[in-house]
């Protein structure tokens, strides 16, 4: 992808993230919607037009160029040391989770007992870690890849796992937006591998739904957690009744 193509792709992504349509861009530029669509299709803009569209996004042209450059080097994971740094301060971890879910600094301060100064301090730290790019007026641009993930069995995953039993699973799942299912089966190692591949596809779809939902108003989005787990297992009460322990290797 050429630099021009990448710049226009970044511009389109930012417009979509802010819910700005071609019709709104056309009205701002005092052009027809068809003309604007043709300009995007041909990737043909004057600097004056680019600056005008940036004004609609409340950003400078230089910030657009910077956002395009940074999006080419997106982060897929943090190091164990970086994750440990996040977990060390619950407020910092909360801020990280919020911005990864496309919350503004203002919404974080409004929702949680975190002062504006403290929130900005956290955002500066997240910028240093490479998770975000902190822009003027405390606006945030994510610098993570679509497949960004916490480290398997890393500090942040352990932080949440420690709370799954007592917090997430300790309650009923009978309200709208809630569902809990447990199923037992006898699978071969090959069948288990196929199942785990499907689980990975579901996780990717979950991430896509997250992206699709981010343009909706905040009042229409809900923090939603998905837990998936599979392993050869039987309850200890059943295992205690075995004549001999099942010591077979999984293969």
Protein backbone atom coordinates (compact mmCIF):
# COMPACT_ATOMS: atom_id res chain seq x y z
CA UNK A 1 0.00 0.00 0.00
CA UNK A 2 1.44 3.40 -1.02
CA UNK A 3 1.73 6.29 1.43
CA UNK A 4 -1.19 8.06 -0.25
CA UNK A 5 -3.37 4.95 -0.07
CA UNK A 6 -2.48 4.45 3.57
CA UNK A 7 -3.23 8.10 4.38
CA UNK A 8 -6.68 7.91 2.75
CA UNK A 9 -7.37 4.56 4.43
CA UNK A 10 -6.52 6.14 7.78
CA UNK A 11 -8.78 9.10 7.01
CA UNK A 12 -11.68 6.78 6.18
CA UNK A 13 -11.09 4.79 9.37
CA UNK A 14 -11.12 7.93 11.52
CA UNK A 15 -14.30 9.20 9.85
CA UNK A 16 -16.00 5.85 10.46
CA UNK A 17 -14.85 5.78 14.08
CA UNK A 18 -16.44 9.19 14.65
CA UNK A 19 -19.62 8.18 12.82
CA UNK A 20 -19.08 10.78 10.08
CA UNK A 21 -20.79 9.84 6.80
CA UNK A 22 -19.96 10.83 3.22
CA UNK A 23 -23.07 13.00 3.28
CA UNK A 24 -21.76 14.94 6.27
CA UNK A 25 -18.34 15.35 4.65
CA UNK A 26 -20.05 16.61 1.49
CA UNK A 27 -22.11 19.14 3.44
CA UNK A 28 -18.97 20.35 5.24
CA UNK A 29 -17.10 20.76 1.94
CA UNK A 30 -20.16 22.20 0.17
CA UNK A 31 -19.90 19.50 -2.49
CA UNK A 32 -22.26 16.80 -3.67
CA UNK A 33 -22.07 13.41 -1.98
CA UNK A 34 -21.30 11.82 -5.36
CA UNK A 35 -18.28 14.11 -5.78
CA UNK A 36 -16.95 13.21 -2.34
CA UNK A 37 -17.38 9.49 -2.99
CA UNK A 38 -15.55 9.88 -6.31
CA UNK A 39 -12.66 11.69 -4.58
CA UNK A 40 -12.33 8.88 -2.06
CA UNK A 41 -12.58 6.26 -4.80
CA UNK A 42 -9.90 7.96 -6.92
CA UNK A 43 -7.94 8.95 -3.79
CA UNK A 44 -7.60 12.42 -5.26
CA UNK A 45 -7.67 15.28 -2.75
CA UNK A 46 -6.09 18.70 -2.64
CA UNK A 47 -4.28 19.69 0.55
CA UNK A 48 -7.01 22.25 1.15
CA UNK A 49 -9.67 19.51 0.98
CA UNK A 50 -7.71 17.24 3.31
CA UNK A 51 -7.32 20.08 5.80
CA UNK A 52 -11.06 20.78 5.63
CA UNK A 53 -11.89 17.13 6.34
CA UNK A 54 -9.40 17.14 9.21
CA UNK A 55 -11.24 20.18 10.61
CA UNK A 56 -14.38 18.05 10.64
CA UNK A 57 -12.44 15.47 12.69
CA UNK A 58 -11.13 18.23 15.00
CA UNK A 59 -7.54 17.37 14.16
CA UNK A 60 -4.63 18.88 12.27
CA UNK A 61 -3.39 17.52 8.95
CA UNK A 62 -0.09 16.71 10.68
CA UNK A 63 -2.02 14.59 13.20
CA UNK A 64 -3.60 12.64 10.34
CA UNK A 65 -0.17 11.95 8.86
CA UNK A 66 1.08 10.89 12.29
CA UNK A 67 -1.94 8.61 12.84
CA UNK A 68 -1.32 6.98 9.46
CA UNK A 69 2.33 6.35 10.31
CA UNK A 70 1.53 4.94 13.73
CA UNK A 71 -1.17 2.63 12.43
CA UNK A 72 1.47 0.85 10.35
CA UNK A 73 3.24 -0.28 13.50
CA UNK A 74 0.39 -1.59 15.61
CA UNK A 75 0.95 -3.50 18.82
CA UNK A 76 -0.14 -7.14 19.11
CA UNK A 77 0.79 -7.70 22.77
CA UNK A 78 2.65 -6.23 25.72
CA UNK A 79 5.62 -7.76 27.48
CA UNK A 80 5.15 -9.49 30.84
CA UNK A 81 6.89 -6.54 32.51
CA UNK A 82 4.51 -4.06 30.87
CA UNK A 83 1.45 -6.10 31.85
CA UNK A 84 2.75 -6.31 35.41
CA UNK A 85 3.05 -2.52 35.42
CA UNK A 86 -0.61 -2.20 34.41
CA UNK A 87 -1.83 -4.68 37.02
CA UNK A 88 0.11 -2.92 39.78
CA UNK A 89 -2.42 -0.05 39.73
CA UNK A 90 -6.12 -1.01 39.38
CA UNK A 91 -6.92 2.51 38.17
CA UNK A 92 -4.32 2.28 35.42
CA UNK A 93 -5.58 -1.16 34.35
CA UNK A 94 -9.17 0.10 34.39
CA UNK A 95 -8.21 3.06 32.21
CA UNK A 96 -6.44 0.73 29.77
CA UNK A 97 -9.48 -1.54 29.51
CA UNK A 98 -11.75 1.48 29.01
CA UNK A 99 -9.72 3.03 26.19
CA UNK A 100 -9.39 -0.37 24.51
CA UNK A 101 -13.19 -0.34 24.53
CA UNK A 102 -13.18 3.13 22.89
CA UNK A 103 -14.11 5.16 25.99
CA UNK A 104 -13.18 8.83 26.06
CA UNK A 105 -11.26 10.33 28.97
CA UNK A 106 -14.34 12.37 29.88
CA UNK A 107 -16.48 9.25 30.14
CA UNK A 108 -13.91 7.49 32.33
CA UNK A 109 -13.83 10.44 34.75
CA UNK A 110 -17.62 10.70 34.73
CA UNK A 111 -18.16 7.00 35.40
CA UNK A 112 -15.39 6.10 37.85
CA UNK A 113 -13.81 7.73 40.90
CA UNK A 114 -10.78 8.83 38.91
CA UNK A 115 -9.91 12.52 38.74
CA UNK A 116 -9.19 14.18 35.42
CA UNK A 117 -5.56 14.74 36.41
CA UNK A 118 -5.17 11.09 37.43
CA UNK A 119 -6.83 9.91 34.21
CA UNK A 120 -4.52 12.03 32.07
CA UNK A 121 -1.56 10.62 34.00
CA UNK A 122 -2.73 7.10 33.21
CA UNK A 123 -3.19 8.01 29.53
CA UNK A 124 0.37 9.36 29.38
CA UNK A 125 1.59 6.04 30.78
CA UNK A 126 -0.47 4.08 28.25
CA UNK A 127 1.00 6.26 25.48
CA UNK A 128 4.47 5.42 26.76
CA UNK A 129 3.63 1.70 26.70
CA UNK A 130 2.55 2.05 23.06
CA UNK A 131 -1.10 1.10 23.62
CA UNK A 132 -2.42 4.50 22.54
CA UNK A 133 -1.44 7.78 20.97
CA UNK A 134 -2.50 10.62 23.28
CA UNK A 135 -3.63 13.57 21.20
CA UNK A 136 -4.60 17.18 22.05
CA UNK A 137 -7.61 17.66 24.34
CA UNK A 138 -6.96 14.19 25.80
CA UNK A 139 -8.28 12.46 22.69
CA UNK A 140 -7.03 8.91 22.23
CA UNK A 141 -6.12 6.89 19.16
CA UNK A 142 -5.48 3.18 19.66
CA UNK A 143 -2.18 1.75 18.43
CA UNK A 144 -3.06 -1.92 18.73
CA UNK A 145 -3.64 -4.54 16.06
CA UNK A 146 -7.07 -6.09 15.56
CA UNK A 147 -5.70 -9.35 17.01
CA UNK A 148 -4.16 -7.68 20.08
CA UNK A 149 -4.32 -10.01 23.08
CA UNK A 150 -3.07 -10.20 26.63
CA UNK A 151 -0.27 -12.71 27.19
CA UNK A 152 -1.45 -16.30 27.81
CA UNK A 153 -1.09 -16.90 31.55
CA UNK A 154 0.43 -13.42 31.82
CA UNK A 155 -0.12 -10.92 34.66
CA UNK A 156 -3.35 -9.47 33.22
CA UNK A 157 -4.89 -12.83 32.31
CA UNK A 158 -4.11 -14.09 35.83
CA UNK A 159 -5.64 -10.91 37.28
CA UNK A 160 -8.95 -11.67 35.57
CA UNK A 161 -8.76 -15.44 36.16
CA UNK A 162 -8.40 -14.85 39.88
CA UNK A 163 -11.71 -13.00 39.75
CA UNK A 164 -13.66 -15.25 37.38
CA UNK A 165 -14.77 -17.75 40.02
CA UNK A 166 -15.72 -15.23 42.71
CA UNK A 167 -16.94 -12.39 40.50
CA UNK A 168 -17.94 -13.46 37.00
CA UNK A 169 -19.35 -16.97 37.61
CA UNK A 170 -20.77 -16.30 41.06
CA UNK A 171 -24.30 -15.44 40.03
CA UNK A 172 -27.21 -16.42 37.82
CA UNK A 173 -27.18 -16.10 34.04
CA UNK A 174 -30.89 -15.67 33.40
CA UNK A 175 -31.17 -12.01 32.43
CA UNK A 176 -31.17 -10.42 28.94
CA UNK A 177 -27.66 -10.42 27.49
CA UNK A 178 -26.60 -13.33 29.74
CA UNK A 179 -26.07 -17.01 28.97
CA UNK A 180 -24.18 -19.87 30.62
CA UNK A 181 -23.93 -23.35 29.15
CA UNK A 182 -21.94 -26.39 30.32
CA UNK A 183 -21.66 -29.48 28.14
CA UNK A 184 -19.70 -32.70 28.64
CA UNK A 185 -18.63 -35.04 25.85
CA UNK A 186 -16.08 -37.74 25.01
CA UNK A 187 -13.79 -36.37 22.29
CA UNK A 188 -10.72 -37.60 20.48
CA UNK A 189 -7.65 -35.36 20.45
CA UNK A 190 -8.41 -34.57 16.80
CA UNK A 191 -12.01 -33.59 17.58
CA UNK A 192 -10.80 -31.41 20.46
CA UNK A 193 -8.38 -29.63 18.10
CA UNK A 194 -11.22 -28.95 15.65
CA UNK A 195 -13.36 -27.59 18.46
CA UNK A 196 -10.58 -25.23 19.56
CA UNK A 197 -10.23 -23.95 15.99
CA UNK A 198 -13.92 -23.07 16.02
CA UNK A 199 -13.45 -21.35 19.36
CA UNK A 200 -10.75 -19.19 17.78
CA UNK A 201 -13.13 -18.26 14.96
CA UNK A 202 -15.77 -17.30 17.52
CA UNK A 203 -13.24 -15.10 19.31
CA UNK A 204 -12.46 -13.34 16.03
CA UNK A 205 -16.17 -12.81 15.44
CA UNK A 206 -16.48 -11.43 18.98
CA UNK A 207 -13.72 -8.92 18.15
CA UNK A 208 -15.48 -7.99 14.90
CA UNK A 209 -18.77 -7.39 16.73
CA UNK A 210 -16.85 -5.16 19.13
CA UNK A 211 -15.58 -3.12 16.18
CA UNK A 212 -19.06 -2.97 14.63
CA UNK A 213 -20.54 -1.70 17.89
CA UNK A 214 -18.07 1.08 18.59
CA UNK A 215 -19.90 3.61 16.39
CA UNK A 216 -23.10 3.22 18.44
CA UNK A 217 -23.88 5.77 21.20
CA UNK A 218 -22.30 5.00 24.57
CA UNK A 219 -25.73 4.48 26.11
CA UNK A 220 -26.35 1.58 23.72
CA UNK A 221 -23.11 -0.32 24.44
CA UNK A 222 -22.57 -2.61 27.41
CA UNK A 223 -19.36 -4.04 28.81
CA UNK A 224 -19.63 -7.69 27.81
CA UNK A 225 -17.28 -10.53 28.78
CA UNK A 226 -16.99 -13.85 26.99
CA UNK A 227 -15.44 -16.85 28.77
CA UNK A 228 -14.49 -19.97 26.81
CA UNK A 229 -12.66 -22.97 28.25
CA UNK A 230 -12.17 -26.59 27.28
CA UNK A 231 -9.97 -29.36 28.68
CA UNK A 232 -10.08 -33.08 29.52
CA UNK A 233 -11.73 -33.03 32.94
CA UNK A 234 -14.21 -34.67 35.26
CA UNK A 235 -15.50 -33.49 38.65
CA UNK A 236 -13.46 -34.59 41.65
CA UNK A 237 -16.55 -36.33 43.03
CA UNK A 238 -16.57 -38.60 39.95
CA UNK A 239 -12.80 -39.04 39.90
CA UNK A 240 -12.90 -40.23 43.52
CA UNK A 241 -15.08 -43.19 42.46
CA UNK A 242 -12.62 -44.48 39.83
CA UNK A 243 -11.03 -47.85 40.53
CA UNK A 244 -7.81 -46.56 38.96
CA UNK A 245 -6.79 -42.96 38.16
CA UNK A 246 -7.02 -42.05 34.48
CA UNK A 247 -3.34 -41.48 33.75
CA UNK A 248 -3.58 -41.56 29.95
CA UNK A 249 -1.62 -38.82 28.11
CA UNK A 250 -3.76 -36.59 25.90
CA UNK A 251 -2.78 -37.49 22.36
